[in-house]
Amino acid sequence: MGYEYIAATLVFIFVLASFLGLELISKVPATLHTPLMSGSNAISGISIVGAVLAVQSEFHWSAKILGFIAVVFATINVIGGFLVTDRMLAMFGKKKKQG
């Protein structure tokens, strides 16, 4: 098998996963979106580990660039997830009295 076959297969899987993810996310009710986002932090953490391994590997330079982009986006997702979770938990906390 050549690199072209492997690359085409990976692009096909990426496109299929994108359509599937869009379809699944569009079916989630708004009330469940925030708890699901906070739960996805663990998955993004695993993605960061895989992306860091891709960046430091001996693969083609394009894999290193994609790994770096994956590190950046997964880190943004983790930070955003923690911020949203913190805001969500603050809504259920006790209100502080002013004055």
N, C-alpha and C. Protein backbone atom coordinates (compact mmCIF):
# COMPACT_ATOMS: atom_id res chain seq x y z
N MET A 1 0.83 -1.19 0.00
CA MET A 1 0.00 0.00 0.00
C MET A 1 0.87 1.25 0.00
N GLY A 2 0.49 2.18 -0.84
CA GLY A 2 1.24 3.42 -0.93
C GLY A 2 0.70 4.47 0.03
N TYR A 3 1.48 5.54 0.14
CA TYR A 3 1.07 6.63 1.01
C TYR A 3 -0.20 7.30 0.52
N GLU A 4 -0.43 7.28 -0.80
CA GLU A 4 -1.63 7.91 -1.35
C GLU A 4 -2.88 7.21 -0.85
N TYR A 5 -2.83 5.87 -0.79
CA TYR A 5 -3.98 5.10 -0.32
C TYR A 5 -4.25 5.39 1.16
N ILE A 6 -3.21 5.45 1.96
CA ILE A 6 -3.37 5.71 3.38
C ILE A 6 -3.88 7.13 3.60
N ALA A 7 -3.34 8.09 2.85
CA ALA A 7 -3.78 9.47 2.99
C ALA A 7 -5.25 9.62 2.58
N ALA A 8 -5.64 8.96 1.50
CA ALA A 8 -7.04 9.03 1.05
C ALA A 8 -7.97 8.41 2.08
N THR A 9 -7.53 7.32 2.69
CA THR A 9 -8.34 6.67 3.71
C THR A 9 -8.50 7.57 4.93
N LEU A 10 -7.42 8.22 5.35
CA LEU A 10 -7.49 9.11 6.50
C LEU A 10 -8.37 10.33 6.22
N VAL A 11 -8.29 10.87 5.02
CA VAL A 11 -9.15 12.01 4.66
C VAL A 11 -10.61 11.57 4.65
N PHE A 12 -10.89 10.37 4.13
CA PHE A 12 -12.26 9.85 4.12
C PHE A 12 -12.78 9.69 5.55
N ILE A 13 -11.97 9.16 6.44
CA ILE A 13 -12.39 8.99 7.84
C ILE A 13 -12.64 10.34 8.49
N PHE A 14 -11.78 11.32 8.20
CA PHE A 14 -11.95 12.66 8.76
C PHE A 14 -13.26 13.29 8.29
N VAL A 15 -13.55 13.20 6.99
CA VAL A 15 -14.78 13.78 6.45
C VAL A 15 -16.00 13.07 7.03
N LEU A 16 -15.94 11.75 7.11
CA LEU A 16 -17.05 10.98 7.66
C LEU A 16 -17.28 11.34 9.13
N ALA A 17 -16.20 11.45 9.91
CA ALA A 17 -16.32 11.82 11.32
C ALA A 17 -16.86 13.24 11.47
N SER A 18 -16.49 14.14 10.57
CA SER A 18 -16.99 15.52 10.63
C SER A 18 -18.50 15.55 10.41
N PHE A 19 -18.98 14.85 9.39
CA PHE A 19 -20.42 14.81 9.14
C PHE A 19 -21.17 14.13 10.28
N LEU A 20 -20.63 13.05 10.80
CA LEU A 20 -21.26 12.35 11.90
C LEU A 20 -21.30 13.23 13.15
N GLY A 21 -20.20 13.91 13.45
CA GLY A 21 -20.17 14.80 14.60
C GLY A 21 -21.15 15.95 14.48
N LEU A 22 -21.25 16.52 13.29
CA LEU A 22 -22.21 17.61 13.06
C LEU A 22 -23.63 17.12 13.25
N GLU A 23 -23.93 15.93 12.75
CA GLU A 23 -25.27 15.37 12.88
C GLU A 23 -25.61 15.08 14.33
N LEU A 24 -24.65 14.53 15.06
CA LEU A 24 -24.91 14.20 16.47
C LEU A 24 -25.06 15.45 17.32
N ILE A 25 -24.20 16.43 17.13
CA ILE A 25 -24.26 17.65 17.93
C ILE A 25 -25.53 18.43 17.66
N SER A 26 -26.00 18.42 16.42
CA SER A 26 -27.22 19.16 16.10
C SER A 26 -28.46 18.54 16.74
N LYS A 27 -28.38 17.28 17.15
CA LYS A 27 -29.52 16.60 17.78
C LYS A 27 -29.53 16.74 19.30
N VAL A 28 -28.46 17.30 19.89
CA VAL A 28 -28.38 17.43 21.34
C VAL A 28 -29.21 18.63 21.78
N PRO A 29 -30.10 18.45 22.76
CA PRO A 29 -30.88 19.59 23.26
C PRO A 29 -29.97 20.61 23.94
N ALA A 30 -30.41 21.85 23.95
CA ALA A 30 -29.60 22.93 24.51
C ALA A 30 -29.32 22.71 25.99
N THR A 31 -30.23 22.08 26.71
CA THR A 31 -30.03 21.87 28.15
C THR A 31 -28.92 20.86 28.44
N LEU A 32 -28.61 20.00 27.49
CA LEU A 32 -27.57 19.01 27.70
C LEU A 32 -26.22 19.41 27.10
N HIS A 33 -26.18 20.48 26.35
CA HIS A 33 -24.95 20.84 25.65
C HIS A 33 -23.82 21.18 26.62
N THR A 34 -24.11 21.98 27.63
CA THR A 34 -23.07 22.39 28.57
C THR A 34 -22.51 21.22 29.38
N PRO A 35 -23.36 20.33 29.96
CA PRO A 35 -22.77 19.18 30.67
C PRO A 35 -21.97 18.26 29.76
N LEU A 36 -22.40 18.09 28.52
CA LEU A 36 -21.63 17.26 27.61
C LEU A 36 -20.31 17.90 27.25
N MET A 37 -20.30 19.22 27.14
CA MET A 37 -19.04 19.92 26.83
C MET A 37 -18.06 19.79 27.98
N SER A 38 -18.55 19.89 29.20
CA SER A 38 -17.64 19.75 30.33
C SER A 38 -17.13 18.32 30.44
N GLY A 39 -17.93 17.36 30.03
CA GLY A 39 -17.48 15.97 30.03
C GLY A 39 -16.48 15.66 28.94
N SER A 40 -16.46 16.44 27.90
CA SER A 40 -15.53 16.19 26.79
C SER A 40 -14.11 16.67 27.09
N ASN A 41 -13.90 17.30 28.24
CA ASN A 41 -12.55 17.74 28.61
C ASN A 41 -11.59 16.57 28.68
N ALA A 42 -12.05 15.43 29.18
CA ALA A 42 -11.17 14.26 29.29
C ALA A 42 -10.75 13.78 27.90
N ILE A 43 -11.67 13.82 26.96
CA ILE A 43 -11.35 13.39 25.59
C ILE A 43 -10.36 14.36 24.96
N SER A 44 -10.53 15.64 25.21
CA SER A 44 -9.59 16.62 24.66
C SER A 44 -8.22 16.47 25.29
N GLY A 45 -8.19 16.08 26.56
CA GLY A 45 -6.90 15.82 27.20
C GLY A 45 -6.16 14.68 26.54
N ILE A 46 -6.89 13.64 26.18
CA ILE A 46 -6.29 12.51 25.46
C ILE A 46 -5.83 12.96 24.08
N SER A 47 -6.60 13.83 23.45
CA SER A 47 -6.20 14.36 22.14
C SER A 47 -4.91 15.16 22.23
N ILE A 48 -4.74 15.90 23.32
CA ILE A 48 -3.51 16.67 23.50
C ILE A 48 -2.31 15.73 23.60
N VAL A 49 -2.46 14.64 24.34
CA VAL A 49 -1.36 13.68 24.47
C VAL A 49 -0.99 13.10 23.11
N GLY A 50 -2.00 12.69 22.33
CA GLY A 50 -1.74 12.14 21.00
C GLY A 50 -1.11 13.16 20.07
N ALA A 51 -1.56 14.41 20.15
CA ALA A 51 -1.01 15.46 19.29
C ALA A 51 0.44 15.77 19.65
N VAL A 52 0.74 15.77 20.95
CA VAL A 52 2.13 16.02 21.37
C VAL A 52 3.02 14.89 20.87
N LEU A 53 2.54 13.65 20.93
CA LEU A 53 3.31 12.53 20.40
C LEU A 53 3.53 12.67 18.89
N ALA A 54 2.53 13.19 18.17
CA ALA A 54 2.68 13.38 16.74
C ALA A 54 3.70 14.48 16.43
N VAL A 55 3.74 15.52 17.25
CA VAL A 55 4.68 16.61 17.02
C VAL A 55 6.11 16.16 17.24
N GLN A 56 6.34 15.35 18.24
CA GLN A 56 7.72 14.95 18.54
C GLN A 56 8.15 13.68 17.81
N SER A 57 7.32 13.15 16.95
CA SER A 57 7.65 11.91 16.24
C SER A 57 8.59 12.19 15.05
N GLU A 58 9.00 11.14 14.42
CA GLU A 58 9.88 11.24 13.26
C GLU A 58 9.12 11.10 11.94
N PHE A 59 7.85 11.48 11.95
CA PHE A 59 7.05 11.41 10.75
C PHE A 59 7.36 12.58 9.82
N HIS A 60 6.62 12.64 8.75
CA HIS A 60 6.75 13.70 7.76
C HIS A 60 6.47 15.06 8.42
N TRP A 61 7.04 16.13 7.88
CA TRP A 61 6.86 17.46 8.47
C TRP A 61 5.40 17.87 8.51
N SER A 62 4.59 17.37 7.57
CA SER A 62 3.16 17.74 7.58
C SER A 62 2.46 17.15 8.81
N ALA A 63 2.90 15.97 9.26
CA ALA A 63 2.32 15.38 10.47
C ALA A 63 2.66 16.23 11.69
N LYS A 64 3.84 16.81 11.70
CA LYS A 64 4.23 17.67 12.81
C LYS A 64 3.39 18.95 12.83
N ILE A 65 3.13 19.50 11.64
CA ILE A 65 2.31 20.72 11.57
C ILE A 65 0.88 20.42 12.01
N LEU A 66 0.32 19.31 11.52
CA LEU A 66 -1.04 18.94 11.94
C LEU A 66 -1.08 18.62 13.43
N GLY A 67 -0.03 18.01 13.95
CA GLY A 67 0.03 17.75 15.38
C GLY A 67 0.05 19.02 16.20
N PHE A 68 0.80 20.02 15.73
CA PHE A 68 0.85 21.30 16.42
C PHE A 68 -0.53 21.98 16.41
N ILE A 69 -1.19 21.96 15.25
CA ILE A 69 -2.53 22.54 15.14
C ILE A 69 -3.49 21.81 16.07
N ALA A 70 -3.35 20.49 16.16
CA ALA A 70 -4.21 19.71 17.05
C ALA A 70 -3.96 20.07 18.51
N VAL A 71 -2.70 20.30 18.87
CA VAL A 71 -2.39 20.72 20.24
C VAL A 71 -3.06 22.05 20.55
N VAL A 72 -2.98 22.99 19.63
CA VAL A 72 -3.57 24.32 19.86
C VAL A 72 -5.08 24.21 20.02
N PHE A 73 -5.76 23.52 19.09
CA PHE A 73 -7.22 23.44 19.16
C PHE A 73 -7.70 22.63 20.36
N ALA A 74 -7.03 21.54 20.69
CA ALA A 74 -7.44 20.75 21.84
C ALA A 74 -7.22 21.53 23.14
N THR A 75 -6.15 22.32 23.20
CA THR A 75 -5.92 23.14 24.39
C THR A 75 -7.00 24.21 24.54
N ILE A 76 -7.37 24.83 23.43
CA ILE A 76 -8.46 25.81 23.47
C ILE A 76 -9.75 25.14 23.94
N ASN A 77 -10.00 23.92 23.47
CA ASN A 77 -11.20 23.20 23.86
C ASN A 77 -11.19 22.87 25.35
N VAL A 78 -10.06 22.45 25.87
CA VAL A 78 -9.97 22.12 27.30
C VAL A 78 -10.18 23.37 28.15
N ILE A 79 -9.52 24.46 27.81
CA ILE A 79 -9.66 25.69 28.58
C ILE A 79 -11.10 26.20 28.51
N GLY A 80 -11.69 26.19 27.32
CA GLY A 80 -13.08 26.61 27.18
C GLY A 80 -14.02 25.73 27.96
N GLY A 81 -13.77 24.44 27.95
CA GLY A 81 -14.61 23.52 28.70
C GLY A 81 -14.56 23.78 30.20
N PHE A 82 -13.35 24.05 30.71
CA PHE A 82 -13.23 24.37 32.13
C PHE A 82 -13.92 25.69 32.47
N LEU A 83 -13.81 26.68 31.60
CA LEU A 83 -14.47 27.96 31.85
C LEU A 83 -15.99 27.81 31.85
N VAL A 84 -16.51 27.05 30.89
CA VAL A 84 -17.96 26.83 30.82
C VAL A 84 -18.43 26.04 32.03
N THR A 85 -17.67 25.03 32.42
CA THR A 85 -18.04 24.24 33.60
C THR A 85 -18.04 25.10 34.85
N ASP A 86 -17.05 25.98 34.99
CA ASP A 86 -16.99 26.87 36.14
C ASP A 86 -18.20 27.80 36.16
N ARG A 87 -18.56 28.33 35.00
CA ARG A 87 -19.74 29.20 34.93
C ARG A 87 -21.02 28.46 35.26
N MET A 88 -21.11 27.21 34.77
CA MET A 88 -22.30 26.40 35.02
C MET A 88 -22.42 26.10 36.51
N LEU A 89 -21.31 25.74 37.16
CA LEU A 89 -21.35 25.45 38.58
C LEU A 89 -21.64 26.70 39.40
N ALA A 90 -21.20 27.86 38.93
CA ALA A 90 -21.48 29.11 39.64
C ALA A 90 -22.97 29.43 39.63
N MET A 91 -23.68 29.00 38.60
CA MET A 91 -25.12 29.24 38.54
C MET A 91 -25.85 28.50 39.65
N PHE A 92 -25.30 27.35 40.08
CA PHE A 92 -25.96 26.55 41.08
C PHE A 92 -25.42 26.80 42.49
N GLY A 93 -24.44 27.66 42.60
CA GLY A 93 -23.85 27.97 43.90
C GLY A 93 -24.72 28.96 44.66
N LYS A 94 -24.36 29.17 45.94
CA LYS A 94 -25.09 30.12 46.76
C LYS A 94 -24.78 31.53 46.33
N LYS A 95 -25.77 32.36 46.33
CA LYS A 95 -25.61 33.77 45.96
C LYS A 95 -24.98 34.52 47.13
N LYS A 96 -24.01 35.39 46.84
CA LYS A 96 -23.40 36.21 47.86
C LYS A 96 -24.25 37.45 48.10
N LYS A 97 -24.41 37.80 49.36
CA LYS A 97 -25.16 39.00 49.68
C LYS A 97 -24.30 40.22 49.46
N GLN A 98 -24.91 41.22 48.83
CA GLN A 98 -24.17 42.45 48.57
C GLN A 98 -24.41 43.42 49.72
N GLY A 99 -23.37 44.15 50.04
CA GLY A 99 -23.54 45.20 51.05
C GLY A 99 -22.93 44.86 52.29
